[in-house]
C-alpha atoms as a PDB file:
ATOM      1  CA  MET A   1      -0.005  -0.037   0.117  1.00  0.00           C
ATOM      2  CA  THR A   2       1.187   3.253  -0.947  1.00  0.00           C
ATOM      3  CA  PRO A   3       1.378   6.220   1.796  1.00  0.00           C
ATOM      4  CA  ALA A   4      -1.203   7.967  -0.087  1.00  0.00           C
ATOM      5  CA  ALA A   5      -3.602   5.034   0.029  1.00  0.00           C
ATOM      6  CA  LYS A   6      -3.890   4.864   3.701  1.00  0.00           C
ATOM      7  CA  GLU A   7      -6.181   7.962   3.472  1.00  0.00           C
ATOM      8  CA  CYS A   8      -8.059   7.442   0.154  1.00  0.00           C
ATOM      9  CA  LYS A   9     -11.424   7.310  -0.565  1.00  0.00           C
ATOM     10  CA  VAL A  10     -13.146   4.314   1.044  1.00  0.00           C
ATOM     11  CA  ILE A  11     -14.294   1.352  -0.357  1.00  0.00           C
ATOM     12  CA  ILE A  12     -17.490   0.544   1.181  1.00  0.00           C
ATOM     13  CA  PRO A  13     -18.789  -2.927   0.149  1.00  0.00           C
ATOM     14  CA  GLY A  14     -22.334  -3.232  -1.282  1.00  0.00           C
ATOM     15  CA  PRO A  15     -25.452  -5.034   0.251  1.00  0.00           C
ATOM     16  CA  ALA A  16     -24.561  -8.122   2.275  1.00  0.00           C
ATOM     17  CA  SER A  17     -27.664  -9.670   1.246  1.00  0.00           C
ATOM     18  CA  VAL A  18     -30.483  -8.864  -1.193  1.00  0.00           C
ATOM     19  CA  GLU A  19     -32.814  -7.773   1.554  1.00  0.00           C
ATOM     20  CA  LEU A  20     -30.337  -5.124   2.718  1.00  0.00           C
ATOM     21  CA  GLY A  21     -30.326  -4.269  -1.338  1.00  0.00           C
ATOM     22  CA  HIS A  22     -33.807  -3.900  -1.120  1.00  0.00           C
ATOM     23  CA  GLN A  23     -34.161  -1.987   1.939  1.00  0.00           C
ATOM     24  CA  ILE A  24     -31.709   0.684   0.611  1.00  0.00           C
ATOM     25  CA  ARG A  25     -33.344   1.030  -2.200  1.00  0.00           C
ATOM     26  CA  HIS A  26     -36.513   1.282  -0.075  1.00  0.00           C
ATOM     27  CA  ALA A  27     -35.312   4.197   1.525  1.00  0.00           C
ATOM     28  CA  LEU A  28     -34.299   5.982  -1.813  1.00  0.00           C
ATOM     29  CA  SER A  29     -37.862   5.117  -2.941  1.00  0.00           C
ATOM     30  CA  LYS A  30     -39.466   6.749   0.191  1.00  0.00           C
ATOM     31  CA  THR A  31     -37.559   9.871   0.046  1.00  0.00           C
ATOM     32  CA  LYS A  32     -38.713  10.291  -3.709  1.00  0.00           C
ATOM     33  CA  SER A  33     -42.299  10.050  -2.509  1.00  0.00           C
ATOM     34  CA  THR A  34     -41.759  12.653   0.506  1.00  0.00           C
ATOM     35  CA  LEU A  35     -39.833  15.481  -1.837  1.00  0.00           C
ATOM     36  CA  HIS A  36     -42.688  15.403  -4.453  1.00  0.00           C
ATOM     37  CA  GLN A  37     -45.165  15.846  -2.033  1.00  0.00           C
ATOM     38  CA  SER A  38     -43.249  18.589  -0.271  1.00  0.00           C
ATOM     39  CA  PHE A  39     -41.894  20.348  -3.208  1.00  0.00           C
ATOM     40  CA  GLY A  40     -44.168  19.394  -6.125  1.00  0.00           C
ATOM     41  CA  ASN A  41     -42.754  18.552  -9.556  1.00  0.00           C
ATOM     42  CA  GLY A  42     -42.525  22.051 -11.180  1.00  0.00           C
ATOM     43  CA  GLY A  43     -40.653  23.326 -13.913  1.00  0.00           C
ATOM     44  CA  ASN A  44     -37.128  24.942 -14.245  1.00  0.00           C
ATOM     45  CA  SER A  45     -38.272  28.909 -13.565  1.00  0.00           C
ATOM     46  CA  GLY A  46     -35.161  31.407 -12.484  1.00  0.00           C
ATOM     47  CA  GLU A  47     -32.488  29.192 -14.770  1.00  0.00           C
ATOM     48  CA  ALA A  48     -29.891  31.365 -15.784  1.00  0.00           C
ATOM     49  CA  HIS A  49     -29.563  32.009 -19.848  1.00  0.00           C
ATOM     50  CA  GLY A  50     -25.810  32.594 -20.220  1.00  0.00           C
ATOM     51  CA  MET A  51     -23.201  30.350 -21.227  1.00  0.00           C
ATOM     52  CA  LYS A  52     -23.111  27.197 -19.744  1.00  0.00           C
ATOM     53  CA  ARG A  53     -19.536  25.162 -19.232  1.00  0.00           C
ATOM     54  CA  ALA A  54     -18.709  22.206 -17.399  1.00  0.00           C
ATOM     55  CA  LEU A  55     -15.319  20.050 -16.471  1.00  0.00           C
ATOM     56  CA  LEU A  56     -15.955  16.513 -15.429  1.00  0.00           C
ATOM     57  CA  CYS A  57     -12.735  14.545 -14.104  1.00  0.00           C
ATOM     58  CA  GLY A  58     -13.341  10.966 -12.910  1.00  0.00           C
ATOM     59  CA  VAL A  59      -9.837   9.440 -11.301  1.00  0.00           C
ATOM     60  CA  THR A  60      -9.848   5.366 -11.539  1.00  0.00           C
ATOM     61  CA  TYR A  61      -6.082   5.076 -10.883  1.00  0.00           C
ATOM     62  CA  ARG A  62      -6.207   1.907 -12.709  1.00  0.00           C
ATOM     63  CA  ASP A  63      -3.887  -0.873 -11.818  1.00  0.00           C
ATOM     64  CA  LYS A  64      -3.198   0.576  -8.762  1.00  0.00           C
ATOM     65  CA  THR A  65      -3.589  -1.075  -5.213  1.00  0.00           C
ATOM     66  CA  TYR A  66      -5.805   2.150  -4.584  1.00  0.00           C
ATOM     67  CA  SER A  67      -7.969   2.121  -7.533  1.00  0.00           C
ATOM     68  CA  LEU A  68     -11.399   2.880  -7.727  1.00  0.00           C
ATOM     69  CA  LYS A  69     -14.142   1.404  -9.820  1.00  0.00           C
ATOM     70  CA  GLY A  70     -17.184   4.212  -9.488  1.00  0.00           C
ATOM     71  CA  THR A  71     -15.532   7.477 -10.608  1.00  0.00           C
ATOM     72  CA  VAL A  72     -16.524   6.633 -14.435  1.00  0.00           C
ATOM     73  CA  ASN A  73     -19.817   5.737 -13.589  1.00  0.00           C
ATOM     74  CA  ASP A  74     -19.781   9.247 -11.506  1.00  0.00           C
ATOM     75  CA  VAL A  75     -18.856  11.425 -14.646  1.00  0.00           C
ATOM     76  CA  LYS A  76     -21.171   9.471 -16.891  1.00  0.00           C
ATOM     77  CA  ARG A  77     -24.524  10.299 -14.339  1.00  0.00           C
ATOM     78  CA  MET A  78     -23.190  13.587 -13.982  1.00  0.00           C
ATOM     79  CA  LYS A  79     -23.036  14.555 -17.539  1.00  0.00           C
ATOM     80  CA  VAL A  80     -26.486  13.156 -18.441  1.00  0.00           C
ATOM     81  CA  LEU A  81     -27.814  15.304 -15.301  1.00  0.00           C
ATOM     82  CA  LEU A  82     -26.067  18.322 -16.544  1.00  0.00           C
ATOM     83  CA  MET A  83     -27.535  17.827 -20.127  1.00  0.00           C
ATOM     84  CA  GLN A  84     -31.127  16.383 -19.360  1.00  0.00           C
ATOM     85  CA  ARG A  85     -31.622  18.463 -16.407  1.00  0.00           C
ATOM     86  CA  PHE A  86     -29.896  21.934 -16.710  1.00  0.00           C
ATOM     87  CA  GLY A  87     -29.516  22.188 -20.447  1.00  0.00           C
ATOM     88  CA  TYR A  88     -25.910  21.858 -20.963  1.00  0.00           C
ATOM     89  CA  ARG A  89     -24.666  21.177 -24.557  1.00  0.00           C
ATOM     90  CA  ARG A  90     -22.309  18.386 -25.269  1.00  0.00           C
ATOM     91  CA  ASP A  91     -19.676  20.450 -26.604  1.00  0.00           C
ATOM     92  CA  CYS A  92     -19.586  22.919 -23.694  1.00  0.00           C
ATOM     93  CA  ILE A  93     -18.773  19.736 -21.482  1.00  0.00           C
ATOM     94  CA  ARG A  94     -15.383  18.747 -21.009  1.00  0.00           C
ATOM     95  CA  ILE A  95     -14.811  15.134 -19.525  1.00  0.00           C
ATOM     96  CA  LEU A  96     -11.271  13.655 -18.398  1.00  0.00           C
ATOM     97  CA  THR A  97     -11.010  10.084 -17.524  1.00  0.00           C
ATOM     98  CA  GLU A  98      -8.777   7.305 -18.168  1.00  0.00           C
ATOM     99  CA  GLU A  99     -10.815   5.782 -20.464  1.00  0.00           C
ATOM    100  CA  THR A 100      -9.317   8.023 -23.465  1.00  0.00           C
ATOM    101  CA  GLY A 101      -5.901   6.534 -22.586  1.00  0.00           C
ATOM    102  CA  SER A 102      -2.703   7.608 -20.764  1.00  0.00           C
ATOM    103  CA  GLU A 103      -1.285   9.697 -23.362  1.00  0.00           C
ATOM    104  CA  SER A 104      -4.471  11.495 -24.474  1.00  0.00           C
ATOM    105  CA  ASP A 105      -5.277  15.413 -23.530  1.00  0.00           C
ATOM    106  CA  PHE A 106      -8.142  14.074 -21.988  1.00  0.00           C
ATOM    107  CA  SER A 107      -6.439  11.700 -19.367  1.00  0.00           C
ATOM    108  CA  PRO A 108      -7.004  13.170 -15.841  1.00  0.00           C
ATOM    109  CA  THR A 109      -3.024  14.138 -15.484  1.00  0.00           C
ATOM    110  CA  LYS A 110      -2.011  16.797 -13.139  1.00  0.00           C
ATOM    111  CA  LYS A 111      -1.113  18.929 -16.309  1.00  0.00           C
ATOM    112  CA  ASN A 112      -4.325  18.255 -18.192  1.00  0.00           C
ATOM    113  CA  ILE A 113      -6.672  18.723 -14.660  1.00  0.00           C
ATOM    114  CA  GLN A 114      -4.870  21.966 -14.494  1.00  0.00           C
ATOM    115  CA  GLU A 115      -5.517  23.545 -17.934  1.00  0.00           C
ATOM    116  CA  SER A 116      -8.802  22.644 -18.357  1.00  0.00           C
ATOM    117  CA  LEU A 117      -9.426  24.229 -14.858  1.00  0.00           C
ATOM    118  CA  LYS A 118      -8.230  27.223 -16.577  1.00  0.00           C
ATOM    119  CA  TRP A 119     -10.448  26.652 -19.539  1.00  0.00           C
ATOM    120  CA  LEU A 120     -13.196  26.401 -17.522  1.00  0.00           C
ATOM    121  CA  VAL A 121     -13.242  29.936 -16.195  1.00  0.00           C
ATOM    122  CA  GLU A 122     -11.610  31.676 -19.615  1.00  0.00           C
ATOM    123  CA  GLY A 123     -13.342  33.893 -21.348  1.00  0.00           C
ATOM    124  CA  SER A 124     -16.522  33.581 -18.975  1.00  0.00           C
ATOM    125  CA  GLU A 125     -18.824  36.775 -18.578  1.00  0.00           C
ATOM    126  CA  SER A 126     -22.001  37.812 -16.330  1.00  0.00           C
ATOM    127  CA  GLY A 127     -25.007  35.219 -16.360  1.00  0.00           C
ATOM    128  CA  ASP A 128     -22.418  32.543 -17.008  1.00  0.00           C
ATOM    129  CA  SER A 129     -22.699  29.195 -15.105  1.00  0.00           C
ATOM    130  CA  LEU A 130     -19.864  26.975 -14.649  1.00  0.00           C
ATOM    131  CA  VAL A 131     -19.513  23.307 -13.024  1.00  0.00           C
ATOM    132  CA  PHE A 132     -16.241  21.564 -11.899  1.00  0.00           C
ATOM    133  CA  TYR A 133     -16.840  17.863 -10.899  1.00  0.00           C
ATOM    134  CA  PHE A 134     -14.176  15.906  -9.348  1.00  0.00           C
ATOM    135  CA  SER A 135     -14.463  11.887  -8.163  1.00  0.00           C
ATOM    136  CA  GLY A 136     -11.261  10.256  -7.241  1.00  0.00           C
ATOM    137  CA  HIS A 137      -8.979  10.440  -4.066  1.00  0.00           C
ATOM    138  CA  GLY A 138      -8.595  13.440  -2.191  1.00  0.00           C
ATOM    139  CA  LEU A 139      -5.881  13.890   0.690  1.00  0.00           C
ATOM    140  CA  ARG A 140      -4.206  16.721   2.819  1.00  0.00           C
ATOM    141  CA  GLN A 141      -1.093  17.926   3.701  1.00  0.00           C
ATOM    142  CA  PRO A 142       0.659  20.421   6.145  1.00  0.00           C
ATOM    143  CA  ASP A 143      -0.186  24.131   5.510  1.00  0.00           C
ATOM    144  CA  PHE A 144       2.987  26.418   5.559  1.00  0.00           C
ATOM    145  CA  ASN A 145       1.060  29.555   4.603  1.00  0.00           C
ATOM    146  CA  ASP A 146      -1.088  29.977   7.721  1.00  0.00           C
ATOM    147  CA  ASP A 147      -4.163  29.910   5.484  1.00  0.00           C
ATOM    148  CA  GLU A 148      -6.089  26.659   6.959  1.00  0.00           C
ATOM    149  CA  LYS A 149      -7.895  26.666  10.713  1.00  0.00           C
ATOM    150  CA  ASP A 150      -7.258  22.968  10.620  1.00  0.00           C
ATOM    151  CA  GLY A 151      -3.492  23.573   9.735  1.00  0.00           C
ATOM    152  CA  PHE A 152      -3.621  21.666   6.522  1.00  0.00           C
ATOM    153  CA  ASP A 153      -4.339  22.070   2.951  1.00  0.00           C
ATOM    154  CA  GLU A 154      -6.693  19.954   1.203  1.00  0.00           C
ATOM    155  CA  THR A 155      -5.922  18.185  -2.217  1.00  0.00           C
ATOM    156  CA  ILE A 156      -7.426  16.482  -5.102  1.00  0.00           C
ATOM    157  CA  CYS A 157      -5.204  13.335  -6.697  1.00  0.00           C
ATOM    158  CA  PRO A 158      -4.872  13.295 -10.330  1.00  0.00           C
ATOM    159  CA  VAL A 159      -3.908   9.755 -12.094  1.00  0.00           C
ATOM    160  CA  ASP A 160      -0.311  10.730 -11.990  1.00  0.00           C
ATOM    161  CA  PHE A 161      -0.213  12.109  -8.211  1.00  0.00           C
ATOM    162  CA  MET A 162       2.350  10.084  -7.212  1.00  0.00           C
ATOM    163  CA  GLN A 163       5.286  11.438  -9.953  1.00  0.00           C
ATOM    164  CA  GLU A 164       3.660  14.765 -10.594  1.00  0.00           C
ATOM    165  CA  GLY A 165       1.980  15.203  -7.153  1.00  0.00           C
ATOM    166  CA  MET A 166      -1.505  16.716  -5.998  1.00  0.00           C
ATOM    167  CA  ILE A 167      -3.307  19.973  -6.860  1.00  0.00           C
ATOM    168  CA  LEU A 168      -3.973  22.067  -3.575  1.00  0.00           C
ATOM    169  CA  ASP A 169      -6.992  23.586  -2.489  1.00  0.00           C
ATOM    170  CA  ASN A 170      -4.955  26.617  -2.872  1.00  0.00           C
ATOM    171  CA  GLU A 171      -3.865  26.642  -6.712  1.00  0.00           C
ATOM    172  CA  ILE A 172      -7.876  25.499  -7.193  1.00  0.00           C
ATOM    173  CA  ASN A 173      -8.728  28.457  -5.420  1.00  0.00           C
ATOM    174  CA  SER A 174      -6.466  30.710  -7.313  1.00  0.00           C
ATOM    175  CA  THR A 175      -7.379  29.270 -10.839  1.00  0.00           C
ATOM    176  CA  ILE A 176     -11.432  28.759 -10.576  1.00  0.00           C
ATOM    177  CA  VAL A 177     -12.762  30.848  -7.656  1.00  0.00           C
ATOM    178  CA  ARG A 178     -10.242  34.481  -7.631  1.00  0.00           C
ATOM    179  CA  PRO A 179     -11.025  35.092 -11.384  1.00  0.00           C
ATOM    180  CA  LEU A 180     -14.998  34.886 -10.941  1.00  0.00           C
ATOM    181  CA  LYS A 181     -16.383  38.325 -12.024  1.00  0.00           C
ATOM    182  CA  LYS A 182     -19.814  39.813 -11.102  1.00  0.00           C
ATOM    183  CA  GLY A 183     -22.660  38.207 -12.468  1.00  0.00           C
ATOM    184  CA  ILE A 184     -20.895  34.592 -13.037  1.00  0.00           C
ATOM    185  CA  THR A 185     -21.869  31.143 -10.503  1.00  0.00           C
ATOM    186  CA  LEU A 186     -19.342  28.572 -10.235  1.00  0.00           C
ATOM    187  CA  HIS A 187     -20.640  25.293  -8.454  1.00  0.00           C
ATOM    188  CA  ALA A 188     -18.063  22.735  -7.500  1.00  0.00           C
ATOM    189  CA  ILE A 189     -19.044  18.982  -6.889  1.00  0.00           C
ATOM    190  CA  VAL A 190     -16.344  17.325  -5.397  1.00  0.00           C
ATOM    191  CA  ASP A 191     -16.797  13.489  -4.144  1.00  0.00           C
ATOM    192  CA  ALA A 192     -13.376  12.700  -2.405  1.00  0.00           C
ATOM    193  CA  CYS A 193     -11.982  12.405   0.905  1.00  0.00           C
ATOM    194  CA  HIS A 194     -10.888  15.633   2.789  1.00  0.00           C
ATOM    195  CA  SER A 195     -13.157  17.880   0.698  1.00  0.00           C
ATOM    196  CA  GLY A 196     -14.869  20.236   2.683  1.00  0.00           C
ATOM    197  CA  THR A 197     -13.043  23.463   2.321  1.00  0.00           C
ATOM    198  CA  VAL A 198     -11.117  22.019  -0.920  1.00  0.00           C
ATOM    199  CA  LEU A 199     -11.966  25.022  -2.757  1.00  0.00           C
ATOM    200  CA  ASP A 200     -10.922  27.446   0.323  1.00  0.00           C
ATOM    201  CA  LEU A 201     -14.193  28.927   0.262  1.00  0.00           C
ATOM    202  CA  GLU A 202     -14.701  31.505   2.969  1.00  0.00           C
ATOM    203  CA  ASP A 203     -18.280  30.494   4.365  1.00  0.00           C
ATOM    204  CA  ILE A 204     -19.051  27.187   5.342  1.00  0.00           C
ATOM    205  CA  TRP A 205     -22.093  28.329   7.593  1.00  0.00           C
ATOM    206  CA  ILE A 206     -19.308  29.290   9.975  1.00  0.00           C
ATOM    207  CA  ASP A 207     -15.929  31.565   9.718  1.00  0.00           C
ATOM    208  CA  ASN A 208     -13.356  29.968   7.543  1.00  0.00           C
ATOM    209  CA  LYS A 209     -11.564  33.372   6.595  1.00  0.00           C
ATOM    210  CA  PRO A 210      -7.525  32.031   6.924  1.00  0.00           C
ATOM    211  CA  PRO A 211      -5.526  33.259   9.796  1.00  0.00           C
ATOM    212  CA  SER A 212      -3.045  34.717   7.508  1.00  0.00           C
ATOM    213  CA  LYS A 213      -5.743  37.000   6.086  1.00  0.00           C
ATOM    214  CA  ALA A 214      -5.138  35.975   2.506  1.00  0.00           C
ATOM    215  CA  ASP A 215      -7.996  36.993   0.341  1.00  0.00           C
ATOM    216  CA  LYS A 216      -9.773  33.802  -1.107  1.00  0.00           C
ATOM    217  CA  SER A 217     -12.940  35.613  -2.445  1.00  0.00           C
ATOM    218  CA  THR A 218     -13.986  36.016  -5.853  1.00  0.00           C
ATOM    219  CA  SER A 219     -13.909  39.105  -8.254  1.00  0.00           C
ATOM    220  CA  GLY A 220     -17.495  39.543  -7.661  1.00  0.00           C
ATOM    221  CA  GLY A 221     -18.858  36.330  -8.846  1.00  0.00           C
ATOM    222  CA  LEU A 222     -20.369  33.467  -6.824  1.00  0.00           C
ATOM    223  CA  ALA A 223     -18.621  30.274  -5.767  1.00  0.00           C
ATOM    224  CA  ILE A 224     -20.521  27.440  -4.345  1.00  0.00           C
ATOM    225  CA  CYS A 225     -19.098  24.124  -3.079  1.00  0.00           C
ATOM    226  CA  LEU A 226     -20.877  20.443  -2.519  1.00  0.00           C
ATOM    227  CA  SER A 227     -18.273  18.217  -0.842  1.00  0.00           C
ATOM    228  CA  ALA A 228     -18.579  14.860  -0.028  1.00  0.00           C
ATOM    229  CA  CYS A 229     -17.175  15.030   3.502  1.00  0.00           C
ATOM    230  CA  GLY A 230     -15.497  17.144   6.033  1.00  0.00           C
ATOM    231  CA  ASP A 231     -11.822  18.022   5.640  1.00  0.00           C
ATOM    232  CA  ASP A 232     -11.091  15.306   8.415  1.00  0.00           C
ATOM    233  CA  GLU A 233     -13.427  12.745   6.750  1.00  0.00           C
ATOM    234  CA  MET A 234     -13.468  10.212   4.173  1.00  0.00           C
ATOM    235  CA  ALA A 235     -15.867   9.812   1.445  1.00  0.00           C
ATOM    236  CA  SER A 236     -17.195   6.438   0.156  1.00  0.00           C
ATOM    237  CA  ASP A 237     -17.326   4.257  -3.302  1.00  0.00           C
ATOM    238  CA  THR A 238     -20.277   1.603  -3.133  1.00  0.00           C
ATOM    239  CA  SER A 239     -22.471  -0.495  -5.032  1.00  0.00           C
ATOM    240  CA  ALA A 240     -25.020   0.058  -1.923  1.00  0.00           C
ATOM    241  CA  PHE A 241     -27.481   2.114  -3.767  1.00  0.00           C
ATOM    242  CA  THR A 242     -27.344   0.026  -7.429  1.00  0.00           C
ATOM    243  CA  GLY A 243     -26.980  -3.437  -5.955  1.00  0.00           C
ATOM    244  CA  LYS A 244     -24.368  -3.842  -8.743  1.00  0.00           C
ATOM    245  CA  ASP A 245     -22.381  -0.828 -10.080  1.00  0.00           C
ATOM    246  CA  MET A 246     -19.650   0.837  -7.817  1.00  0.00           C
ATOM    247  CA  THR A 247     -20.427   4.752  -7.296  1.00  0.00           C
ATOM    248  CA  GLY A 248     -19.384   7.649  -5.280  1.00  0.00           C
ATOM    249  CA  ALA A 249     -22.119   7.907  -2.441  1.00  0.00           C
ATOM    250  CA  MET A 250     -22.481  11.817  -2.377  1.00  0.00           C
ATOM    251  CA  THR A 251     -22.901  11.838  -6.239  1.00  0.00           C
ATOM    252  CA  PHE A 252     -25.603   9.145  -6.824  1.00  0.00           C
ATOM    253  CA  ILE A 253     -27.565  10.542  -3.797  1.00  0.00           C
ATOM    254  CA  LEU A 254     -27.024  14.007  -5.282  1.00  0.00           C
ATOM    255  CA  ILE A 255     -28.452  12.942  -8.274  1.00  0.00           C
ATOM    256  CA  HIS A 256     -31.379  11.054  -7.197  1.00  0.00           C
ATOM    257  CA  VAL A 257     -32.609  14.068  -5.146  1.00  0.00           C
ATOM    258  CA  VAL A 258     -32.136  16.633  -8.319  1.00  0.00           C
ATOM    259  CA  GLU A 259     -33.897  14.515 -10.547  1.00  0.00           C
ATOM    260  CA  ASN A 260     -36.979  14.011  -8.448  1.00  0.00           C
ATOM    261  CA  VAL A 261     -37.398  17.411  -7.119  1.00  0.00           C
ATOM    262  CA  PRO A 262     -36.809  20.170 -10.121  1.00  0.00           C
ATOM    263  CA  GLU A 263     -36.995  23.070  -7.784  1.00  0.00           C
ATOM    264  CA  ILE A 264     -35.330  22.166  -4.772  1.00  0.00           C
ATOM    265  CA  THR A 265     -33.634  24.604  -2.719  1.00  0.00           C
ATOM    266  CA  TYR A 266     -29.849  24.333  -1.309  1.00  0.00           C
ATOM    267  CA  GLY A 267     -30.829  23.899   2.020  1.00  0.00           C
ATOM    268  CA  SER A 268     -33.540  21.417   1.418  1.00  0.00           C
ATOM    269  CA  LEU A 269     -31.295  19.521  -0.941  1.00  0.00           C
ATOM    270  CA  LEU A 270     -28.686  19.214   1.828  1.00  0.00           C
ATOM    271  CA  ASP A 271     -30.974  18.096   4.556  1.00  0.00           C
ATOM    272  CA  GLN A 272     -32.809  15.545   1.800  1.00  0.00           C
ATOM    273  CA  MET A 273     -29.057  13.974   1.469  1.00  0.00           C
ATOM    274  CA  HIS A 274     -28.635  13.926   4.749  1.00  0.00           C
ATOM    275  CA  GLU A 275     -31.830  11.834   5.394  1.00  0.00           C
ATOM    276  CA  VAL A 276     -30.990   9.648   3.003  1.00  0.00           C
ATOM    277  CA  ILE A 277     -27.634   8.700   4.262  1.00  0.00           C
ATOM    278  CA  GLU A 278     -28.506   8.188   7.587  1.00  0.00           C
ATOM    279  CA  GLN A 279     -31.321   6.052   6.690  1.00  0.00           C
ATOM    280  CA  VAL A 280     -28.915   3.814   4.291  1.00  0.00           C
ATOM    281  CA  ASN A 281     -26.037   3.851   7.296  1.00  0.00           C
ATOM    282  CA  TYR A 282     -28.755   2.825   9.612  1.00  0.00           C
ATOM    283  CA  LYS A 283     -30.121   0.202   7.485  1.00  0.00           C
ATOM    284  CA  ARG A 284     -26.923  -1.508   6.855  1.00  0.00           C
ATOM    285  CA  CYS A 285     -26.149  -1.795  10.427  1.00  0.00           C
ATOM    286  CA  LEU A 286     -29.501  -2.981  11.736  1.00  0.00           C
ATOM    287  CA  THR A 287     -29.769  -5.739   8.721  1.00  0.00           C
ATOM    288  CA  VAL A 288     -26.099  -6.856   9.056  1.00  0.00           C
ATOM    289  CA  PRO A 289     -25.005  -6.265  12.277  1.00  0.00           C
ATOM    290  CA  CYS A 290     -21.437  -7.074  12.208  1.00  0.00           C
ATOM    291  CA  LEU A 291     -20.794  -4.309   9.473  1.00  0.00           C
ATOM    292  CA  ARG A 292     -20.685  -2.323  12.742  1.00  0.00           C
ATOM    293  CA  ILE A 293     -17.562  -3.746  13.500  1.00  0.00           C
ATOM    294  CA  LEU A 294     -16.008  -4.072   9.930  1.00  0.00           C
ATOM    295  CA  LEU A 295     -16.822  -1.427   8.465  1.00  0.00           C
ATOM    296  CA  GLY A 296     -15.843   1.029  12.108  1.00  0.00           C
ATOM    297  CA  ARG A 297     -15.772   4.423  11.156  1.00  0.00           C
ATOM    298  CA  ARG A 298     -16.412   3.698   7.385  1.00  0.00           C
ATOM    299  CA  LYS A 299     -19.764   5.117   7.109  1.00  0.00           C
ATOM    300  CA  ILE A 300     -21.083   7.104   4.289  1.00  0.00           C
ATOM    301  CA  GLU A 301     -20.477  10.438   5.560  1.00  0.00           C
ATOM    302  CA  ASN A 302     -22.825  13.828   5.472  1.00  0.00           C
ATOM    303  CA  PRO A 303     -22.327  16.249   2.424  1.00  0.00           C
ATOM    304  CA  MET A 304     -21.176  19.847   3.204  1.00  0.00           C
ATOM    305  CA  LEU A 305     -22.023  23.286   1.431  1.00  0.00           C
ATOM    306  CA  SER A 306     -19.423  26.213   1.177  1.00  0.00           C
ATOM    307  CA  SER A 307     -19.726  29.395  -0.587  1.00  0.00           C
ATOM    308  CA  SER A 308     -17.788  32.446  -1.276  1.00  0.00           C
ATOM    309  CA  GLN A 309     -20.482  34.319   0.314  1.00  0.00           C
ATOM    310  CA  GLU A 310     -23.748  34.007   2.586  1.00  0.00           C
ATOM    311  CA  PHE A 311     -26.888  33.270   0.687  1.00  0.00           C
ATOM    312  CA  PRO A 312     -30.294  32.139   1.726  1.00  0.00           C
ATOM    313  CA  VAL A 313     -30.032  28.413   1.454  1.00  0.00           C
ATOM    314  CA  TYR A 314     -33.620  27.954   2.074  1.00  0.00           C
ATOM    315  CA  SER A 315     -34.998  30.100  -0.359  1.00  0.00           C
ATOM    316  CA  LYS A 316     -32.333  30.044  -3.395  1.00  0.00           C
ATOM    317  CA  LYS A 317     -33.110  26.915  -5.705  1.00  0.00           C
ATOM    318  CA  PHE A 318     -30.287  24.818  -6.757  1.00  0.00           C
ATOM    319  CA  LEU A 319     -29.329  25.495 -10.566  1.00  0.00           C
ATOM    320  CA  LEU A 320     -26.356  24.590 -12.184  1.00  0.00           C
END
């Protein structure tokens, strides 16, 4: 096992029995019914009409001891959501996965991810909507700039991170957060370990301003991040929701809720995601008591919401 693999994305086994699989899918079905009753099934009013551009990265780390099986599935699901639910054009979505080959410009190498992050924000103007999605491993390392309250920089791991290094939250912030001009909205959805403040946004509903007083804000735009877990927690790859295919837990639940509630708010989205996760964690341990011992802290963690500025989470609709 490599040193990095000790803190990488956790593989949680799928249903240990057919009955458990049925119970998990029942929890999702029950949530779907509740959501429709609570919020209705309305249209997509209020959606932005500027340019829409998205960067989707899924890193498998093929043939490594720390490989993941669900990241490509995550990217495919996110692509469908963006195109069918939010009207993104195929030619405005850049996808980086290992399916294209290691020498391809669309392999999720450090260089390609860095260049694609620049592409994402390049030329954006007021009214534009941008999405950065990452499914893969996340790590953290000691912070030497005194701009992290917990003393650690959060990172994402490209496919070649063992050779080329990780991409730090500081770099992600300076590349896609700081350039955002007024009227531009960026959503980052990061399904990785230690991803709570991976964009270094200052508002996570507690004060996250850096001790060094470094400016991490936008240039007038709005950046919002949905992270799979807190900075000191681990995300999960699991087949618990599908009964077969591996998927990032946060990604699957996010898409499930958004697809079934077209006009859900940010606050309600987070609440419903937490409710599904609570049900799934409970049912897994209730049906298979030994999982309490086998999994230990390897449960599905609650996603986190952060932003570059405060906004009314229970009245603002979730729009990508």
